Amino acid sequence: MDIINDVAEMIRKGTPLNAIDVIIANAPDDVKKVAMNLFADPISVANVDDDWKDLLLLVYFSYHSHLSEAKGEDLSNLAVSSLAAAKLCRRLGIADLEARFLETGGKAIHQMRMVNKAEKTPKEAELILKELSEKNESNLPLLAEVLNELAVLYMDVKMNDEAEKYLQQALEVERRAGRKEKLAEILYNAGVFYTRAEKFEMAERFYKECEEILIKLSEQDRGFIPQLGTLFNDMGVLYRKLSKFEKSEEYHREALTIFDALSNEDEKWLKYVADTYNHMGALCSDIMRFDEASKYYSVARKLYDEIEKKYKKAGSVKDNFY
């Protein structure tokens, strides 16, 4: 049915609700009635023909997947709705959307810390997208995201050979896809991986390339500044491990400048200020500047205490409200 392509295109654009209008304009009367009340009475889809049923359910689950992802709150609902949508896409022959929903559902499962179950869905998405990408390079960006997600998953479970393999694949595909912000994310993950693996020169190479990209991006969009601050702290830690103490201090001070400024705009960044002081305390301890180390640790501790008090107060207010 041509309508499948029309509905799929609406979902690709992130507007599954508009797909209802497409269905209503093309469906027989009994299906129109169900479509008009789909979100109020989803059970009624059981009364329509199987092809229309699958299409209506795809709209229903894709809407809830998009909604849960946008809110970033209900991971279990995101996982269930995304995987249900992926299954329906498979039945309807919409391979690219099947892969997209598999990636989203797998990421939600990973974020729920169900690591043992998180591998299956992105691996399925990987197979689909590698085949699709051979025919159409527009699928490369999603393939890079899936490969990166698998790399992070394997990093979490310390399967280093698999993590390294997927990081290299993700970098290769993302360089072809050409999205600088996503390339920076994968480069950062590679830096973290090689730091943990104590391959510090490799880590430095990836961090430096990431730094170059993020500096340019942050000059155009302030939204990248927090990522730059996080990178600077990690580079400070790396240079401390390399005994390049002056460079380590330089990067931590750059991070402190960033997070100090951000915390003046929004208190949620105070934790990052505290973390930075903690890093600087560790650095000063390593180079036997113990008085400075004590001062930095003290500032970090006071900030952590302040943050904890604010969280407790916010929780108390919430409890009283309810």
Protein backbone atom coordinates (compact mmCIF):
# COMPACT_ATOMS: atom_id res chain seq x y z
CA MET A 1 0.00 0.00 0.00
CA ASP A 2 1.27 3.48 -0.89
CA ILE A 3 -0.18 4.68 2.39
CA ILE A 4 2.50 2.71 4.23
CA ASN A 5 5.15 4.91 2.61
CA ASP A 6 3.20 8.06 3.50
CA VAL A 7 2.78 7.02 7.13
CA ALA A 8 6.44 5.96 7.35
CA GLU A 9 7.55 9.36 6.05
CA MET A 10 5.52 11.14 8.75
CA ILE A 11 7.16 8.98 11.39
CA ARG A 12 10.63 9.64 9.94
CA LYS A 13 9.93 13.36 10.27
CA GLY A 14 8.99 12.87 13.94
CA THR A 15 5.32 13.74 13.38
CA PRO A 16 3.42 10.45 13.88
CA LEU A 17 0.21 12.28 14.80
CA ASN A 18 0.04 13.67 11.26
CA ALA A 19 -0.04 10.07 10.04
CA ILE A 20 -3.51 9.73 11.56
CA ASP A 21 -4.81 12.31 9.07
CA VAL A 22 -3.22 10.34 6.23
CA ILE A 23 -4.93 7.15 7.39
CA ILE A 24 -8.31 8.85 7.84
CA ALA A 25 -8.09 10.31 4.33
CA ASN A 26 -7.41 6.90 2.76
CA ALA A 27 -9.00 4.23 4.94
CA PRO A 28 -12.44 2.58 4.74
CA ASP A 29 -15.13 3.91 7.11
CA ASP A 30 -14.68 1.30 9.84
CA VAL A 31 -10.94 2.04 9.99
CA LYS A 32 -11.53 5.82 9.97
CA LYS A 33 -13.69 5.50 13.08
CA VAL A 34 -10.98 3.55 14.90
CA ALA A 35 -8.25 5.97 13.72
CA MET A 36 -10.15 8.99 15.03
CA ASN A 37 -10.29 7.44 18.53
CA LEU A 38 -6.95 5.60 18.44
CA PHE A 39 -5.40 7.20 21.51
CA ALA A 40 -8.62 7.18 23.53
CA ASP A 41 -9.47 3.57 22.66
CA PRO A 42 -6.43 1.70 21.24
CA ILE A 43 -8.05 -1.69 21.97
CA SER A 44 -10.54 -1.04 19.15
CA VAL A 45 -7.81 -1.74 16.56
CA ALA A 46 -8.52 -5.44 17.17
CA ASN A 47 -11.70 -5.01 15.10
CA VAL A 48 -10.05 -3.94 11.82
CA ASP A 49 -8.23 -5.76 9.02
CA ASP A 50 -4.68 -6.92 9.90
CA ASP A 51 -2.88 -4.55 7.49
CA TRP A 52 -4.73 -1.52 8.83
CA LYS A 53 -4.29 -2.80 12.38
CA ASP A 54 -0.50 -2.93 11.99
CA LEU A 55 -0.44 0.56 10.52
CA LEU A 56 -2.59 2.03 13.30
CA LEU A 57 -0.55 0.31 15.98
CA LEU A 58 2.65 1.58 14.39
CA VAL A 59 1.35 5.14 14.68
CA TYR A 60 0.29 4.51 18.27
CA PHE A 61 3.60 3.04 19.44
CA SER A 62 5.78 5.41 17.42
CA TYR A 63 3.95 8.36 18.99
CA HIS A 64 4.61 7.02 22.50
CA SER A 65 8.22 6.30 21.59
CA HIS A 66 8.75 9.87 20.35
CA LEU A 67 6.93 11.30 23.38
CA SER A 68 8.93 9.26 25.91
CA GLU A 69 12.21 10.10 24.16
CA ALA A 70 11.39 13.82 24.11
CA LYS A 71 10.50 13.85 27.81
CA GLY A 72 13.50 11.71 28.74
CA GLU A 73 11.65 10.35 31.75
CA ASP A 74 9.95 6.95 31.39
CA LEU A 75 12.67 4.63 30.09
CA SER A 76 10.54 1.50 30.46
CA ASN A 77 7.77 3.01 28.33
CA LEU A 78 10.37 4.17 25.80
CA ALA A 79 11.80 0.66 25.55
CA VAL A 80 8.44 -1.10 25.25
CA SER A 81 6.92 1.34 22.74
CA SER A 82 10.09 1.47 20.59
CA LEU A 83 10.51 -2.30 20.40
CA ALA A 84 6.79 -2.75 19.62
CA ALA A 85 7.13 -0.18 16.82
CA ALA A 86 10.23 -1.98 15.50
CA LYS A 87 8.32 -5.27 15.34
CA LEU A 88 5.48 -3.61 13.41
CA CYS A 89 7.97 -1.99 11.02
CA ARG A 90 9.40 -5.41 10.28
CA ARG A 91 5.92 -6.75 9.44
CA LEU A 92 5.21 -3.73 7.22
CA GLY A 93 8.62 -3.87 5.49
CA ILE A 94 9.95 -0.49 6.72
CA ALA A 95 13.55 -1.51 7.38
CA ASP A 96 15.07 1.91 8.18
CA LEU A 97 12.42 2.68 10.79
CA GLU A 98 12.76 -0.80 12.24
CA ALA A 99 16.46 -0.08 12.79
CA ARG A 100 15.72 3.37 14.25
CA PHE A 101 13.28 1.97 16.80
CA LEU A 102 15.61 -0.91 17.65
CA GLU A 103 18.37 1.63 18.34
CA THR A 104 16.07 3.75 20.52
CA GLY A 105 14.72 0.76 22.43
CA GLY A 106 18.19 -0.71 22.94
CA LYS A 107 19.52 2.58 24.26
CA ALA A 108 16.65 2.79 26.76
CA ILE A 109 17.37 -0.76 27.97
CA HIS A 110 21.05 0.16 28.36
CA GLN A 111 20.15 3.29 30.35
CA MET A 112 18.01 1.09 32.61
CA ARG A 113 21.28 -0.77 33.36
CA MET A 114 19.89 -4.02 31.90
CA VAL A 115 23.26 -4.54 30.24
CA ASN A 116 22.82 -8.24 29.53
CA LYS A 117 19.66 -7.54 27.52
CA ALA A 118 20.90 -4.34 25.86
CA GLU A 119 23.14 -5.96 23.26
CA LYS A 120 20.54 -7.80 21.18
CA THR A 121 18.56 -4.88 19.72
CA PRO A 122 21.45 -2.67 18.53
CA LYS A 123 23.10 -5.74 17.01
CA GLU A 124 19.91 -6.34 14.99
CA ALA A 125 19.89 -2.66 14.00
CA GLU A 126 23.55 -2.92 12.97
CA LEU A 127 22.83 -5.74 10.51
CA ILE A 128 19.88 -3.89 8.96
CA LEU A 129 21.74 -0.59 8.63
CA LYS A 130 24.92 -2.07 7.18
CA GLU A 131 22.85 -3.64 4.42
CA LEU A 132 20.83 -0.45 3.85
CA SER A 133 23.95 1.74 3.84
CA GLU A 134 25.46 -0.23 0.98
CA LYS A 135 22.54 0.95 -1.16
CA ASN A 136 21.92 4.38 0.35
CA GLU A 137 24.43 6.43 2.36
CA SER A 138 21.62 8.41 4.01
CA ASN A 139 21.55 5.54 6.52
CA LEU A 140 25.17 6.16 7.60
CA PRO A 141 24.36 8.61 10.44
CA LEU A 142 22.08 6.12 12.21
CA LEU A 143 24.58 3.31 11.61
CA ALA A 144 27.30 5.41 13.27
CA GLU A 145 25.03 5.98 16.28
CA VAL A 146 24.30 2.27 16.60
CA LEU A 147 28.01 1.39 16.39
CA ASN A 148 28.82 4.03 19.01
CA GLU A 149 26.07 2.73 21.29
CA LEU A 150 27.49 -0.79 21.00
CA ALA A 151 30.98 0.53 21.76
CA VAL A 152 29.73 2.24 24.95
CA LEU A 153 27.85 -0.92 25.93
CA TYR A 154 30.98 -3.04 25.57
CA MET A 155 32.99 -0.43 27.48
CA ASP A 156 30.51 -0.74 30.36
CA VAL A 157 30.94 -4.52 30.56
CA LYS A 158 34.72 -4.27 30.01
CA MET A 159 34.71 -6.25 26.75
CA ASN A 160 37.63 -4.17 25.54
CA ASP A 161 38.31 -5.90 22.23
CA GLU A 162 34.68 -5.48 21.15
CA ALA A 163 34.56 -1.90 22.44
CA GLU A 164 37.67 -0.95 20.49
CA LYS A 165 36.39 -2.64 17.33
CA TYR A 166 33.08 -0.77 17.47
CA LEU A 167 34.71 2.56 18.31
CA GLN A 168 36.92 2.28 15.23
CA GLN A 169 33.93 1.33 13.06
CA ALA A 170 31.84 4.18 14.49
CA LEU A 171 34.62 6.68 13.78
CA GLU A 172 35.05 5.45 10.21
CA VAL A 173 31.31 5.62 9.47
CA GLU A 174 30.81 9.00 11.19
CA ARG A 175 33.67 10.55 9.22
CA ARG A 176 31.78 9.49 6.08
CA ALA A 177 28.48 10.78 7.50
CA GLY A 178 30.08 14.19 8.12
CA ARG A 179 28.38 15.31 11.36
CA LYS A 180 31.00 17.13 13.41
CA GLU A 181 29.03 17.11 16.68
CA LYS A 182 28.54 13.34 16.52
CA LEU A 183 32.15 12.78 15.51
CA ALA A 184 33.21 14.73 18.62
CA GLU A 185 31.05 12.45 20.78
CA ILE A 186 32.67 9.28 19.39
CA LEU A 187 36.17 10.79 19.64
CA TYR A 188 35.46 11.61 23.29
CA ASN A 189 34.31 8.03 23.94
CA ALA A 190 37.52 6.78 22.28
CA GLY A 191 39.56 9.04 24.56
CA VAL A 192 37.78 7.67 27.62
CA PHE A 193 38.29 4.10 26.42
CA TYR A 194 42.02 4.45 25.77
CA THR A 195 42.52 6.28 29.08
CA ARG A 196 40.89 3.39 30.93
CA ALA A 197 43.00 0.95 28.89
CA GLU A 198 46.11 2.96 29.89
CA LYS A 199 46.98 3.62 26.27
CA PHE A 200 47.50 7.27 27.06
CA GLU A 201 49.08 8.45 23.80
CA MET A 202 46.10 7.06 21.87
CA ALA A 203 43.74 8.75 24.31
CA GLU A 204 45.53 12.07 23.86
CA ARG A 205 45.23 11.84 20.06
CA PHE A 206 41.47 11.32 20.17
CA TYR A 207 40.91 13.93 22.89
CA LYS A 208 42.90 16.53 20.94
CA GLU A 209 40.84 15.99 17.79
CA CYS A 210 37.67 16.17 19.88
CA GLU A 211 38.91 19.41 21.48
CA GLU A 212 39.54 21.01 18.10
CA ILE A 213 36.00 20.20 16.94
CA LEU A 214 34.27 21.25 20.16
CA ILE A 215 36.09 24.60 20.30
CA LYS A 216 34.82 25.42 16.80
CA LEU A 217 31.31 24.19 17.58
CA SER A 218 31.12 26.11 20.86
CA GLU A 219 32.10 29.32 19.06
CA GLN A 220 28.99 28.89 16.92
CA ASP A 221 26.66 27.40 19.56
CA ARG A 222 26.98 27.87 23.35
CA GLY A 223 25.18 24.57 23.83
CA PHE A 224 28.49 22.78 23.24
CA ILE A 225 30.32 24.61 26.05
CA PRO A 226 29.40 22.07 28.80
CA GLN A 227 30.80 19.25 26.64
CA LEU A 228 33.99 21.26 26.23
CA GLY A 229 34.27 21.69 30.00
CA THR A 230 33.82 17.96 30.58
CA LEU A 231 36.45 17.22 27.94
CA PHE A 232 38.91 19.65 29.56
CA ASN A 233 38.56 17.89 32.92
CA ASP A 234 39.14 14.49 31.33
CA MET A 235 42.17 15.85 29.49
CA GLY A 236 43.43 17.20 32.80
CA VAL A 237 43.12 13.72 34.31
CA LEU A 238 44.90 12.21 31.29
CA TYR A 239 47.84 14.62 31.52
CA ARG A 240 48.13 13.92 35.26
CA LYS A 241 48.48 10.22 34.41
CA LEU A 242 51.15 11.18 31.86
CA SER A 243 52.92 13.27 34.54
CA LYS A 244 52.42 16.37 32.38
CA PHE A 245 51.33 18.34 35.42
CA GLU A 246 51.43 21.85 33.95
CA LYS A 247 49.15 20.80 31.12
CA SER A 248 46.87 18.99 33.57
CA GLU A 249 46.48 22.13 35.68
CA GLU A 250 45.90 24.25 32.58
CA TYR A 251 43.02 22.06 31.41
CA HIS A 252 41.40 21.84 34.87
CA ARG A 253 41.53 25.64 35.18
CA GLU A 254 39.91 25.99 31.77
CA ALA A 255 37.18 23.58 32.92
CA LEU A 256 36.73 25.56 36.15
CA THR A 257 36.29 28.80 34.19
CA ILE A 258 33.60 27.16 32.07
CA PHE A 259 31.67 25.53 34.92
CA ASP A 260 31.94 28.58 37.19
CA ALA A 261 30.29 30.68 34.48
CA LEU A 262 27.64 28.05 33.79
CA SER A 263 26.81 27.63 37.49
CA ASN A 264 26.10 31.37 37.71
CA GLU A 265 23.38 30.81 35.13
CA ASP A 266 22.08 27.47 36.46
CA GLU A 267 22.90 25.78 39.77
CA LYS A 268 22.82 22.31 38.18
CA TRP A 269 26.42 22.95 37.07
CA LEU A 270 27.65 23.34 40.67
CA LYS A 271 28.43 19.61 40.81
CA TYR A 272 30.80 20.06 37.87
CA VAL A 273 32.50 22.94 39.69
CA ALA A 274 32.92 20.67 42.72
CA ASP A 275 34.25 17.83 40.55
CA THR A 276 36.80 20.20 39.01
CA TYR A 277 38.06 21.36 42.41
CA ASN A 278 38.33 17.68 43.38
CA HIS A 279 40.47 17.00 40.29
CA MET A 280 42.68 19.96 41.14
CA GLY A 281 43.10 18.67 44.68
CA ALA A 282 44.24 15.30 43.32
CA LEU A 283 46.68 17.01 40.97
CA CYS A 284 48.20 19.14 43.73
CA SER A 285 48.55 16.06 45.95
CA ASP A 286 50.47 14.30 43.19
CA ILE A 287 52.95 17.15 42.88
CA MET A 288 53.21 17.60 46.68
CA ARG A 289 51.51 21.02 46.81
CA PHE A 290 49.63 19.78 49.85
CA ASP A 291 48.36 23.12 51.16
CA GLU A 292 46.73 23.87 47.81
CA ALA A 293 45.37 20.31 47.62
CA SER A 294 43.77 20.74 51.03
CA LYS A 295 42.21 24.04 49.94
CA TYR A 296 40.76 22.55 46.74
CA TYR A 297 39.42 19.48 48.53
CA SER A 298 37.80 21.73 51.13
CA VAL A 299 36.06 23.85 48.48
CA ALA A 300 34.86 20.68 46.71
CA ARG A 301 33.51 19.23 49.98
CA LYS A 302 31.61 22.42 50.81
CA LEU A 303 30.05 22.47 47.34
CA TYR A 304 29.05 18.81 47.58
CA ASP A 305 27.46 19.50 50.99
CA GLU A 306 25.64 22.53 49.57
CA ILE A 307 24.31 20.48 46.64
CA GLU A 308 23.16 17.67 48.98
CA LYS A 309 21.30 20.15 51.22
CA LYS A 310 19.53 21.65 48.22
CA TYR A 311 18.46 18.22 46.98
CA LYS A 312 17.16 17.28 50.42
CA LYS A 313 15.28 20.57 50.69
CA ALA A 314 13.78 20.10 47.23
CA GLY A 315 12.72 16.56 48.18
CA SER A 316 11.12 17.83 51.37
CA VAL A 317 9.17 20.49 49.48
CA LYS A 318 8.00 17.87 46.98
CA ASP A 319 6.90 15.51 49.78
CA ASN A 320 4.92 18.29 51.49
CA PHE A 321 3.31 19.28 48.18
CA TYR A 322 2.05 15.79 47.53
